[in-house]
Every structure is written in C-alpha cells, then in structure tokens.
C-alpha cells in the first residue's frame, strides 16, 4: 500500500538500499528482514548460526559467550595465525589453522582491526601498535543511513500485509508525504 502510493506520487522504488553506485537514495524500499515459514521474525543468529551449531557436520564451529576479541594475530607474512580475546577475567588466544572470520559490525570491526595493526600508521604508531598493513581510511567516514518509517492505521484487517511478507518502509531524506492528512 505504501509502495504503491509512493509510486503514484512519482517516487521510485529502490531495490538495494546498500548499493553505493545508486545515483540517489531518495525513494521507497521494502524492509528487508528474516521471516520464518510460519511468519515469525527472526534474527541472524537464529536463522543461520543456531542451525549450524546443532549439526554434527561442523565440529570445528564454536561460539563463545561473554567473550570480547582484543585483536587478530598475524605472522611475518601478514597471514592470520590466531585471535586474542578476553573472557572469564583473563586474556586467551586461539590458534587459527585455516580461516578466521571477523564480523563485529560497522563500529566493532574497525576497532579490532586497528588494535591488530591494520589502519593509519600515524594513529597506530602513536599507540605503540606495530603496523601490519597501512590503511589510512580504516574506521573513517562511518555514516548512518537515514531510514524513516511510516505508521499507518488500517481500517480493516484485510488492509494489512499478509503474514510473513515484508512491510514497506521509506528510506529517504525529507520525504514529503502528500497522502498524509493535514
């Protein structure tokens, strides 16, 4: 309903709000989220991680609760050799044999990489962190995208979206809402 109203008023539908090559982010887009087959909203851990942990085919996948990664460890050839972390009141290390995946979000990942020696040399040197790889833009220019939702009052239950489908949202700056009552 919201998407159709916006289209009628000349706003374009944005397929991918994360597309950095888009000429403009002004328009409308569907809210992207994970829905179970029975219509229940789920988070990423429930959808992906829990199912893997419950299978015997991934014996090398371990999740550690109440644990904070301090830094990624590298050898002289800049290959990842392990992860240093803090848990249960002390520092520990895990040796990585093949692969380490760092997924600490938009704010956490740059912090961990900088503590690991990946980032601007001036900053790292001022903190006595050995430079593994100089990337001056590490952690710079973080921007929060503007997302504005519209709450609607439905006249009848049939006006709502079917259970399990995406709700519509607007993702724009200063989005005029011509169909709103004054």
N, C-alpha and C. Protein backbone atom coordinates (compact mmCIF):
# COMPACT_ATOMS: atom_id res chain seq x y z
N UNK A 1 0.82 -1.18 0.00
CA UNK A 1 0.00 0.00 0.00
C UNK A 1 0.88 1.26 0.00
N UNK A 2 1.89 1.31 0.86
CA UNK A 2 2.76 2.48 0.92
C UNK A 2 3.58 2.59 -0.36
N UNK A 3 4.12 1.46 -0.83
CA UNK A 3 4.91 1.48 -2.06
C UNK A 3 4.08 1.98 -3.24
N UNK A 4 2.88 1.47 -3.36
CA UNK A 4 2.01 1.87 -4.47
C UNK A 4 1.68 3.36 -4.38
N UNK A 5 1.39 3.85 -3.19
CA UNK A 5 1.09 5.28 -3.01
C UNK A 5 2.28 6.14 -3.40
N UNK A 6 3.47 5.71 -3.02
CA UNK A 6 4.67 6.47 -3.36
C UNK A 6 4.92 6.47 -4.86
N UNK A 7 4.69 5.31 -5.50
CA UNK A 7 4.87 5.22 -6.96
C UNK A 7 3.91 6.17 -7.68
N UNK A 8 2.66 6.21 -7.22
CA UNK A 8 1.66 7.10 -7.83
C UNK A 8 2.12 8.55 -7.74
N UNK A 9 2.78 8.89 -6.65
CA UNK A 9 3.25 10.26 -6.47
C UNK A 9 4.61 10.52 -7.12
N UNK A 10 5.13 9.52 -7.87
CA UNK A 10 6.34 9.74 -8.64
C UNK A 10 7.64 9.35 -7.98
N UNK A 11 7.59 8.69 -6.84
CA UNK A 11 8.83 8.25 -6.19
C UNK A 11 9.21 6.88 -6.72
N UNK A 12 10.51 6.68 -6.93
CA UNK A 12 10.97 5.40 -7.47
C UNK A 12 11.19 4.40 -6.35
N UNK A 13 11.09 3.10 -6.69
CA UNK A 13 11.36 2.05 -5.73
C UNK A 13 12.85 1.72 -5.78
N UNK A 14 13.47 1.64 -4.63
CA UNK A 14 14.89 1.32 -4.53
C UNK A 14 15.01 -0.17 -4.24
N UNK A 15 15.68 -0.90 -5.13
CA UNK A 15 15.83 -2.34 -4.96
C UNK A 15 16.84 -2.68 -3.87
N UNK A 16 17.94 -1.94 -3.82
CA UNK A 16 19.00 -2.24 -2.86
C UNK A 16 19.45 -0.95 -2.19
N UNK A 17 19.03 -0.74 -0.94
CA UNK A 17 19.38 0.49 -0.22
C UNK A 17 20.87 0.57 0.08
N UNK A 18 21.58 -0.54 -0.01
CA UNK A 18 23.01 -0.56 0.30
C UNK A 18 23.88 -0.36 -0.94
N UNK A 19 23.28 -0.14 -2.10
CA UNK A 19 24.03 -0.01 -3.35
C UNK A 19 24.78 1.32 -3.38
N UNK A 20 26.11 1.29 -3.29
CA UNK A 20 26.87 2.54 -3.29
C UNK A 20 26.93 3.21 -4.66
N UNK A 21 26.53 2.50 -5.71
CA UNK A 21 26.59 3.09 -7.05
C UNK A 21 25.28 3.75 -7.45
N UNK A 22 24.28 3.69 -6.59
CA UNK A 22 22.99 4.29 -6.92
C UNK A 22 23.16 5.80 -7.05
N UNK A 23 22.49 6.38 -8.04
CA UNK A 23 22.62 7.82 -8.26
C UNK A 23 21.91 8.61 -7.17
N UNK A 24 20.92 8.03 -6.54
CA UNK A 24 20.19 8.71 -5.48
C UNK A 24 19.57 7.69 -4.54
N UNK A 25 19.55 8.00 -3.26
CA UNK A 25 18.91 7.11 -2.30
C UNK A 25 17.51 7.59 -1.96
N UNK A 26 17.01 8.55 -2.71
CA UNK A 26 15.67 9.07 -2.44
C UNK A 26 14.65 8.22 -3.17
N UNK A 27 13.75 7.66 -2.42
CA UNK A 27 12.72 6.78 -2.95
C UNK A 27 12.13 5.95 -1.84
N UNK A 28 11.51 4.85 -2.19
CA UNK A 28 10.93 3.94 -1.20
C UNK A 28 11.52 2.55 -1.39
N UNK A 29 11.55 1.78 -0.30
CA UNK A 29 12.11 0.44 -0.36
C UNK A 29 11.40 -0.46 0.64
N UNK A 30 11.40 -1.75 0.36
CA UNK A 30 10.83 -2.72 1.29
C UNK A 30 11.81 -2.95 2.43
N UNK A 31 11.28 -3.17 3.61
CA UNK A 31 12.09 -3.51 4.77
C UNK A 31 12.58 -4.93 4.58
N UNK A 32 13.87 -5.14 4.68
CA UNK A 32 14.42 -6.46 4.47
C UNK A 32 14.72 -7.10 5.82
N UNK A 33 14.11 -8.24 6.06
CA UNK A 33 14.30 -8.94 7.32
C UNK A 33 14.06 -10.42 7.11
N UNK A 34 14.41 -11.21 8.10
CA UNK A 34 14.27 -12.66 8.00
C UNK A 34 12.95 -13.09 8.61
N UNK A 35 12.16 -13.82 7.85
CA UNK A 35 10.86 -14.32 8.30
C UNK A 35 10.87 -15.83 8.17
N UNK A 36 10.44 -16.52 9.23
CA UNK A 36 10.37 -17.98 9.17
C UNK A 36 9.18 -18.39 8.31
N UNK A 37 9.13 -19.65 7.86
CA UNK A 37 7.99 -20.10 7.05
C UNK A 37 6.64 -19.92 7.74
N UNK A 38 6.63 -19.90 9.08
CA UNK A 38 5.36 -19.71 9.78
C UNK A 38 5.11 -18.24 10.15
N UNK A 39 5.87 -17.32 9.55
CA UNK A 39 5.60 -15.89 9.70
C UNK A 39 6.21 -15.23 10.91
N UNK A 40 7.19 -15.85 11.55
CA UNK A 40 7.82 -15.29 12.74
C UNK A 40 9.11 -14.57 12.35
N UNK A 41 9.28 -13.33 12.83
CA UNK A 41 10.52 -12.58 12.58
C UNK A 41 11.66 -13.22 13.34
N UNK A 42 12.82 -13.34 12.71
CA UNK A 42 13.97 -13.98 13.33
C UNK A 42 15.22 -13.14 13.13
N UNK A 43 16.15 -13.26 14.07
CA UNK A 43 17.41 -12.55 13.92
C UNK A 43 18.42 -13.42 13.17
N UNK A 44 19.55 -12.84 12.83
CA UNK A 44 20.56 -13.54 12.05
C UNK A 44 21.07 -14.80 12.74
N UNK A 45 21.30 -14.71 14.05
CA UNK A 45 21.80 -15.88 14.78
C UNK A 45 20.82 -17.04 14.70
N UNK A 46 19.54 -16.75 14.84
CA UNK A 46 18.53 -17.81 14.78
C UNK A 46 18.47 -18.43 13.40
N UNK A 47 18.51 -17.60 12.37
CA UNK A 47 18.37 -18.10 11.00
C UNK A 47 19.59 -18.89 10.54
N UNK A 48 20.78 -18.40 10.83
CA UNK A 48 21.99 -19.02 10.29
C UNK A 48 22.80 -19.81 11.31
N UNK A 49 23.09 -19.20 12.43
CA UNK A 49 24.05 -19.78 13.36
C UNK A 49 23.51 -20.98 14.14
N UNK A 50 22.33 -20.86 14.73
CA UNK A 50 21.80 -21.95 15.56
C UNK A 50 21.66 -23.25 14.79
N UNK A 51 21.23 -23.17 13.55
CA UNK A 51 21.08 -24.40 12.76
C UNK A 51 22.43 -25.07 12.50
N UNK A 52 23.49 -24.29 12.34
CA UNK A 52 24.83 -24.86 12.13
C UNK A 52 25.38 -25.48 13.41
N UNK A 53 25.11 -24.83 14.54
CA UNK A 53 25.62 -25.35 15.82
C UNK A 53 24.97 -26.68 16.20
N UNK A 54 23.77 -26.91 15.72
CA UNK A 54 23.04 -28.13 16.06
C UNK A 54 23.34 -29.29 15.12
N UNK A 55 24.27 -29.12 14.22
CA UNK A 55 24.62 -30.18 13.27
C UNK A 55 25.99 -30.75 13.61
N UNK A 56 26.12 -32.04 13.48
CA UNK A 56 27.41 -32.69 13.75
C UNK A 56 28.43 -32.46 12.65
N UNK A 57 28.00 -31.91 11.50
CA UNK A 57 28.93 -31.73 10.39
C UNK A 57 29.84 -30.51 10.56
N UNK A 58 29.65 -29.72 11.62
CA UNK A 58 30.50 -28.56 11.88
C UNK A 58 31.15 -28.67 13.26
N UNK A 59 31.98 -29.68 13.49
CA UNK A 59 32.57 -29.86 14.82
C UNK A 59 33.59 -28.77 15.18
N UNK A 60 34.08 -28.04 14.19
CA UNK A 60 35.08 -27.00 14.47
C UNK A 60 34.47 -25.61 14.64
N UNK A 61 33.14 -25.52 14.62
CA UNK A 61 32.46 -24.23 14.83
C UNK A 61 32.09 -24.11 16.30
N UNK A 62 32.66 -23.10 16.95
CA UNK A 62 32.41 -22.88 18.37
C UNK A 62 31.98 -21.44 18.59
N UNK A 63 30.98 -21.24 19.42
CA UNK A 63 30.53 -19.90 19.78
C UNK A 63 30.85 -19.70 21.26
N UNK A 64 31.51 -18.59 21.55
CA UNK A 64 31.91 -18.30 22.93
C UNK A 64 31.12 -17.09 23.42
N UNK A 65 30.35 -17.27 24.46
CA UNK A 65 29.56 -16.19 25.03
C UNK A 65 30.40 -15.38 26.01
N UNK A 66 29.99 -14.14 26.24
CA UNK A 66 30.67 -13.24 27.19
C UNK A 66 32.17 -13.17 26.90
N UNK A 67 32.49 -13.03 25.62
CA UNK A 67 33.88 -13.01 25.17
C UNK A 67 34.07 -11.79 24.27
N UNK A 68 35.19 -11.09 24.43
CA UNK A 68 35.48 -9.91 23.62
C UNK A 68 36.81 -10.10 22.90
N UNK A 69 36.78 -9.95 21.58
CA UNK A 69 38.01 -10.08 20.79
C UNK A 69 38.87 -8.84 21.01
N UNK A 70 40.13 -9.07 21.36
CA UNK A 70 41.08 -7.97 21.55
C UNK A 70 41.73 -7.60 20.23
N UNK A 71 42.24 -8.63 19.53
CA UNK A 71 42.89 -8.37 18.25
C UNK A 71 43.09 -9.67 17.48
N UNK A 72 43.34 -9.50 16.19
CA UNK A 72 43.69 -10.61 15.31
C UNK A 72 45.21 -10.68 15.28
N UNK A 73 45.75 -11.89 15.30
CA UNK A 73 47.21 -12.09 15.31
C UNK A 73 47.70 -12.46 13.92
N UNK A 74 48.87 -11.94 13.54
CA UNK A 74 49.44 -12.18 12.22
C UNK A 74 50.87 -12.68 12.34
N UNK A 75 51.32 -13.42 11.30
CA UNK A 75 52.73 -13.80 11.24
C UNK A 75 53.49 -12.76 10.41
N UNK A 76 54.77 -12.99 10.15
CA UNK A 76 55.59 -12.06 9.40
C UNK A 76 55.16 -11.87 7.96
N UNK A 77 54.41 -12.83 7.42
CA UNK A 77 53.90 -12.73 6.05
C UNK A 77 52.50 -12.15 5.98
N UNK A 78 52.02 -11.60 7.10
CA UNK A 78 50.70 -10.98 7.20
C UNK A 78 49.56 -11.98 7.04
N UNK A 79 49.80 -13.23 7.39
CA UNK A 79 48.74 -14.24 7.40
C UNK A 79 48.18 -14.33 8.82
N UNK A 80 46.88 -14.50 8.92
CA UNK A 80 46.25 -14.63 10.23
C UNK A 80 46.68 -15.93 10.89
N UNK A 81 47.14 -15.82 12.13
CA UNK A 81 47.58 -17.01 12.87
C UNK A 81 46.71 -17.29 14.08
N UNK A 82 45.92 -16.31 14.49
CA UNK A 82 45.09 -16.53 15.67
C UNK A 82 44.30 -15.30 16.05
N UNK A 83 43.60 -15.44 17.16
CA UNK A 83 42.78 -14.36 17.70
C UNK A 83 43.05 -14.28 19.20
N UNK A 84 43.28 -13.08 19.67
CA UNK A 84 43.43 -12.85 21.10
C UNK A 84 42.11 -12.32 21.63
N UNK A 85 41.65 -12.85 22.75
CA UNK A 85 40.35 -12.44 23.28
C UNK A 85 40.39 -12.39 24.81
N UNK A 86 39.36 -11.74 25.36
CA UNK A 86 39.22 -11.60 26.80
C UNK A 86 37.94 -12.31 27.22
N UNK A 87 38.06 -13.21 28.20
CA UNK A 87 36.90 -13.94 28.70
C UNK A 87 37.19 -14.46 30.10
N UNK A 88 36.18 -14.52 30.92
CA UNK A 88 36.31 -15.06 32.28
C UNK A 88 37.45 -14.42 33.07
N UNK A 89 37.63 -13.12 32.91
CA UNK A 89 38.61 -12.40 33.71
C UNK A 89 40.04 -12.46 33.22
N UNK A 90 40.29 -13.02 32.04
CA UNK A 90 41.67 -13.09 31.57
C UNK A 90 41.79 -13.12 30.06
N UNK A 91 43.01 -12.89 29.59
CA UNK A 91 43.30 -12.93 28.15
C UNK A 91 43.63 -14.35 27.73
N UNK A 92 43.20 -14.72 26.54
CA UNK A 92 43.50 -16.03 25.97
C UNK A 92 43.73 -15.88 24.48
N UNK A 93 44.23 -16.94 23.87
CA UNK A 93 44.47 -16.94 22.42
C UNK A 93 43.93 -18.22 21.82
N UNK A 94 43.47 -18.09 20.58
CA UNK A 94 43.05 -19.24 19.79
C UNK A 94 43.94 -19.27 18.56
N UNK A 95 44.48 -20.42 18.23
CA UNK A 95 45.29 -20.59 17.03
C UNK A 95 44.35 -20.89 15.87
N UNK A 96 44.58 -20.18 14.77
CA UNK A 96 43.76 -20.38 13.57
C UNK A 96 44.56 -21.23 12.59
N UNK A 97 43.99 -22.35 12.19
CA UNK A 97 44.68 -23.24 11.25
C UNK A 97 44.38 -22.88 9.80
N UNK A 98 43.15 -22.46 9.54
CA UNK A 98 42.77 -22.23 8.15
C UNK A 98 42.12 -20.87 7.92
N UNK A 99 41.14 -20.50 8.74
CA UNK A 99 40.32 -19.33 8.43
C UNK A 99 39.81 -18.68 9.71
N UNK A 100 39.81 -17.36 9.73
CA UNK A 100 39.19 -16.59 10.81
C UNK A 100 38.23 -15.61 10.16
N UNK A 101 37.02 -15.54 10.67
CA UNK A 101 36.02 -14.61 10.15
C UNK A 101 35.80 -13.55 11.21
N UNK A 102 36.02 -12.30 10.84
CA UNK A 102 35.80 -11.18 11.75
C UNK A 102 34.52 -10.48 11.34
N UNK A 103 33.52 -10.51 12.20
CA UNK A 103 32.23 -9.89 11.91
C UNK A 103 31.75 -9.20 13.18
N UNK A 104 32.29 -8.02 13.43
CA UNK A 104 31.97 -7.30 14.66
C UNK A 104 31.14 -6.05 14.38
N UNK A 105 30.56 -5.95 13.20
CA UNK A 105 29.72 -4.81 12.88
C UNK A 105 30.51 -3.60 12.39
N UNK A 106 29.75 -2.57 12.02
CA UNK A 106 30.35 -1.38 11.43
C UNK A 106 31.22 -0.60 12.41
N UNK A 107 30.93 -0.69 13.69
CA UNK A 107 31.75 0.02 14.67
C UNK A 107 32.82 -0.87 15.29
N UNK A 108 32.51 -2.12 15.55
CA UNK A 108 33.45 -3.02 16.22
C UNK A 108 34.58 -3.51 15.34
N UNK A 109 34.29 -3.80 14.08
CA UNK A 109 35.31 -4.36 13.18
C UNK A 109 36.50 -3.42 13.00
N UNK A 110 36.30 -2.12 12.69
CA UNK A 110 37.47 -1.24 12.55
C UNK A 110 38.30 -1.14 13.84
N UNK A 111 37.64 -1.15 15.00
CA UNK A 111 38.38 -1.08 16.26
C UNK A 111 39.29 -2.29 16.43
N UNK A 112 38.75 -3.47 16.15
CA UNK A 112 39.55 -4.69 16.29
C UNK A 112 40.71 -4.68 15.29
N UNK A 113 40.43 -4.28 14.05
CA UNK A 113 41.49 -4.26 13.04
C UNK A 113 42.59 -3.27 13.41
N UNK A 114 42.20 -2.10 13.93
CA UNK A 114 43.22 -1.13 14.35
C UNK A 114 44.05 -1.66 15.52
N UNK A 115 43.41 -2.31 16.48
CA UNK A 115 44.18 -2.91 17.59
C UNK A 115 45.09 -4.03 17.09
N UNK A 116 44.76 -4.57 15.92
CA UNK A 116 45.55 -5.66 15.33
C UNK A 116 46.69 -5.16 14.46
N UNK A 117 46.73 -3.84 14.19
CA UNK A 117 47.80 -3.28 13.38
C UNK A 117 47.39 -2.95 11.96
N UNK A 118 46.11 -2.93 11.69
CA UNK A 118 45.61 -2.56 10.36
C UNK A 118 44.91 -1.22 10.49
N UNK A 119 45.45 -0.20 9.84
CA UNK A 119 44.88 1.14 9.93
C UNK A 119 45.90 2.19 9.58
N UNK A 120 45.61 3.42 9.96
CA UNK A 120 46.51 4.54 9.69
C UNK A 120 47.78 4.45 10.52
N UNK A 121 48.92 4.55 9.86
CA UNK A 121 50.22 4.40 10.54
C UNK A 121 50.41 5.45 11.63
N UNK A 122 49.96 6.68 11.40
CA UNK A 122 50.13 7.73 12.40
C UNK A 122 49.41 7.36 13.69
N UNK A 123 48.17 6.91 13.57
CA UNK A 123 47.40 6.51 14.75
C UNK A 123 48.04 5.31 15.43
N UNK A 124 48.35 4.28 14.65
CA UNK A 124 48.91 3.05 15.22
C UNK A 124 50.23 3.32 15.92
N UNK A 125 51.11 4.11 15.30
CA UNK A 125 52.40 4.43 15.92
C UNK A 125 52.22 5.22 17.22
N UNK A 126 51.24 6.13 17.24
CA UNK A 126 51.01 6.92 18.46
C UNK A 126 50.53 6.05 19.62
N UNK A 127 49.99 4.88 19.31
CA UNK A 127 49.51 3.96 20.34
C UNK A 127 50.46 2.78 20.55
N UNK A 128 51.64 2.85 19.93
CA UNK A 128 52.64 1.77 20.02
C UNK A 128 52.10 0.43 19.54
N UNK A 129 51.29 0.48 18.48
CA UNK A 129 50.78 -0.75 17.86
C UNK A 129 51.58 -0.97 16.58
N UNK A 130 52.27 -2.12 16.45
CA UNK A 130 53.03 -2.39 15.22
C UNK A 130 52.11 -2.40 13.99
N UNK A 131 52.54 -1.72 12.92
CA UNK A 131 51.74 -1.64 11.70
C UNK A 131 51.89 -2.93 10.90
N UNK A 132 50.78 -3.62 10.70
CA UNK A 132 50.76 -4.83 9.87
C UNK A 132 50.41 -4.44 8.44
N UNK A 133 49.43 -3.56 8.30
CA UNK A 133 49.02 -3.08 6.98
C UNK A 133 48.50 -1.66 7.13
N UNK A 134 49.09 -0.73 6.36
CA UNK A 134 48.68 0.67 6.46
C UNK A 134 47.45 0.93 5.59
N UNK A 135 46.35 1.19 6.25
CA UNK A 135 45.10 1.56 5.58
C UNK A 135 44.57 2.81 6.28
N UNK A 136 44.89 3.96 5.71
CA UNK A 136 44.57 5.23 6.38
C UNK A 136 43.08 5.49 6.55
N UNK A 137 42.25 4.89 5.76
CA UNK A 137 40.81 5.14 5.87
C UNK A 137 40.09 4.18 6.80
N UNK A 138 40.82 3.29 7.46
CA UNK A 138 40.19 2.33 8.37
C UNK A 138 39.39 3.07 9.44
N UNK A 139 38.11 2.77 9.55
CA UNK A 139 37.27 3.36 10.58
C UNK A 139 36.83 4.79 10.31
N UNK A 140 37.14 5.34 9.15
CA UNK A 140 36.78 6.72 8.83
C UNK A 140 35.47 6.77 8.05
N UNK A 141 34.81 7.91 8.12
CA UNK A 141 33.62 8.22 7.31
C UNK A 141 32.45 7.27 7.53
N UNK A 142 32.30 6.77 8.74
CA UNK A 142 31.13 5.94 9.03
C UNK A 142 29.90 6.83 8.99
N UNK A 143 28.87 6.39 8.29
CA UNK A 143 27.64 7.16 8.18
C UNK A 143 26.45 6.26 8.44
N UNK A 144 25.52 6.76 9.19
CA UNK A 144 24.29 6.02 9.46
C UNK A 144 23.28 6.41 8.39
N UNK A 145 22.73 5.42 7.66
CA UNK A 145 21.75 5.75 6.63
C UNK A 145 20.46 6.26 7.26
N UNK A 146 19.82 7.18 6.58
CA UNK A 146 18.53 7.69 7.04
C UNK A 146 17.43 6.71 6.69
N UNK A 147 16.69 6.29 7.69
CA UNK A 147 15.55 5.41 7.46
C UNK A 147 14.38 6.00 8.23
N UNK A 148 13.33 6.31 7.51
CA UNK A 148 12.14 6.89 8.13
C UNK A 148 10.98 5.95 7.90
N UNK A 149 10.32 5.56 8.96
CA UNK A 149 9.16 4.68 8.84
C UNK A 149 7.87 5.47 8.86
N UNK A 150 6.83 4.87 8.35
CA UNK A 150 5.51 5.48 8.37
C UNK A 150 4.57 4.52 9.07
N UNK A 151 3.90 5.00 10.12
CA UNK A 151 2.91 4.19 10.81
C UNK A 151 1.56 4.45 10.17
N UNK A 152 0.83 3.39 9.89
CA UNK A 152 -0.47 3.51 9.25
C UNK A 152 -1.54 2.90 10.13
N UNK A 153 -2.72 3.47 10.11
CA UNK A 153 -3.87 2.89 10.80
C UNK A 153 -4.73 2.21 9.74
N UNK A 154 -4.95 0.92 9.89
CA UNK A 154 -5.73 0.15 8.92
C UNK A 154 -7.20 0.17 9.31
N UNK A 155 -8.06 0.31 8.32
CA UNK A 155 -9.50 0.33 8.57
C UNK A 155 -10.01 -1.07 8.85
N UNK A 156 -9.57 -2.02 8.06
CA UNK A 156 -9.98 -3.41 8.26
C UNK A 156 -8.74 -4.28 8.29
N UNK A 157 -8.88 -5.48 8.84
CA UNK A 157 -7.75 -6.40 8.90
C UNK A 157 -7.27 -6.78 7.51
N UNK A 158 -8.15 -6.76 6.51
CA UNK A 158 -7.75 -7.12 5.15
C UNK A 158 -6.82 -6.09 4.52
N UNK A 159 -6.71 -4.91 5.14
CA UNK A 159 -5.81 -3.88 4.62
C UNK A 159 -4.35 -4.14 4.99
N UNK A 160 -4.08 -5.08 5.89
CA UNK A 160 -2.72 -5.32 6.33
C UNK A 160 -1.99 -6.24 5.36
N UNK A 161 -0.67 -6.30 5.53
CA UNK A 161 0.13 -7.18 4.69
C UNK A 161 -0.09 -8.63 5.11
N UNK A 162 0.01 -9.58 4.18
CA UNK A 162 -0.13 -10.99 4.55
C UNK A 162 0.97 -11.40 5.53
N UNK A 163 0.64 -12.32 6.42
CA UNK A 163 1.60 -12.79 7.42
C UNK A 163 2.84 -13.34 6.73
N UNK A 164 4.00 -12.87 7.15
CA UNK A 164 5.25 -13.39 6.61
C UNK A 164 5.84 -12.57 5.48
N UNK A 165 5.14 -11.56 5.00
CA UNK A 165 5.71 -10.75 3.92
C UNK A 165 6.39 -9.53 4.52
N UNK A 166 7.21 -8.89 3.72
CA UNK A 166 7.92 -7.70 4.19
C UNK A 166 6.96 -6.54 4.34
N UNK A 167 7.18 -5.73 5.37
CA UNK A 167 6.43 -4.49 5.47
C UNK A 167 7.14 -3.46 4.60
N UNK A 168 6.45 -2.40 4.27
CA UNK A 168 7.04 -1.36 3.44
C UNK A 168 7.60 -0.27 4.32
N UNK A 169 8.72 0.30 3.92
CA UNK A 169 9.25 1.46 4.62
C UNK A 169 9.71 2.49 3.61
N UNK A 170 9.95 3.66 4.09
CA UNK A 170 10.51 4.71 3.26
C UNK A 170 11.94 4.92 3.71
N UNK A 171 12.83 5.08 2.78
CA UNK A 171 14.24 5.30 3.10
C UNK A 171 14.68 6.54 2.35
N UNK A 172 14.40 7.70 2.92
CA UNK A 172 14.66 8.94 2.20
C UNK A 172 15.04 10.05 3.18
N UNK A 173 15.48 11.15 2.64
CA UNK A 173 15.70 12.35 3.43
C UNK A 173 14.59 13.33 3.09
N UNK A 174 14.01 13.94 4.13
CA UNK A 174 12.96 14.95 3.94
C UNK A 174 11.89 14.48 2.96
N UNK A 175 11.38 13.30 3.18
CA UNK A 175 10.39 12.69 2.29
C UNK A 175 9.03 13.35 2.50
N UNK A 176 8.51 14.07 1.51
CA UNK A 176 7.18 14.66 1.68
C UNK A 176 6.12 13.56 1.60
N UNK A 177 5.13 13.66 2.43
CA UNK A 177 4.09 12.63 2.47
C UNK A 177 2.77 13.27 2.04
N UNK A 178 2.53 13.35 0.73
CA UNK A 178 1.35 14.06 0.23
C UNK A 178 0.04 13.37 0.58
N UNK A 179 0.05 12.07 0.88
CA UNK A 179 -1.19 11.37 1.17
C UNK A 179 -1.56 11.45 2.66
N UNK A 180 -0.70 12.07 3.48
CA UNK A 180 -0.98 12.21 4.91
C UNK A 180 -2.00 13.34 5.11
N UNK A 181 -2.94 13.13 6.03
CA UNK A 181 -3.91 14.18 6.35
C UNK A 181 -3.21 15.35 7.02
N UNK A 182 -3.60 16.54 6.69
CA UNK A 182 -3.00 17.75 7.30
C UNK A 182 -3.59 17.99 8.67
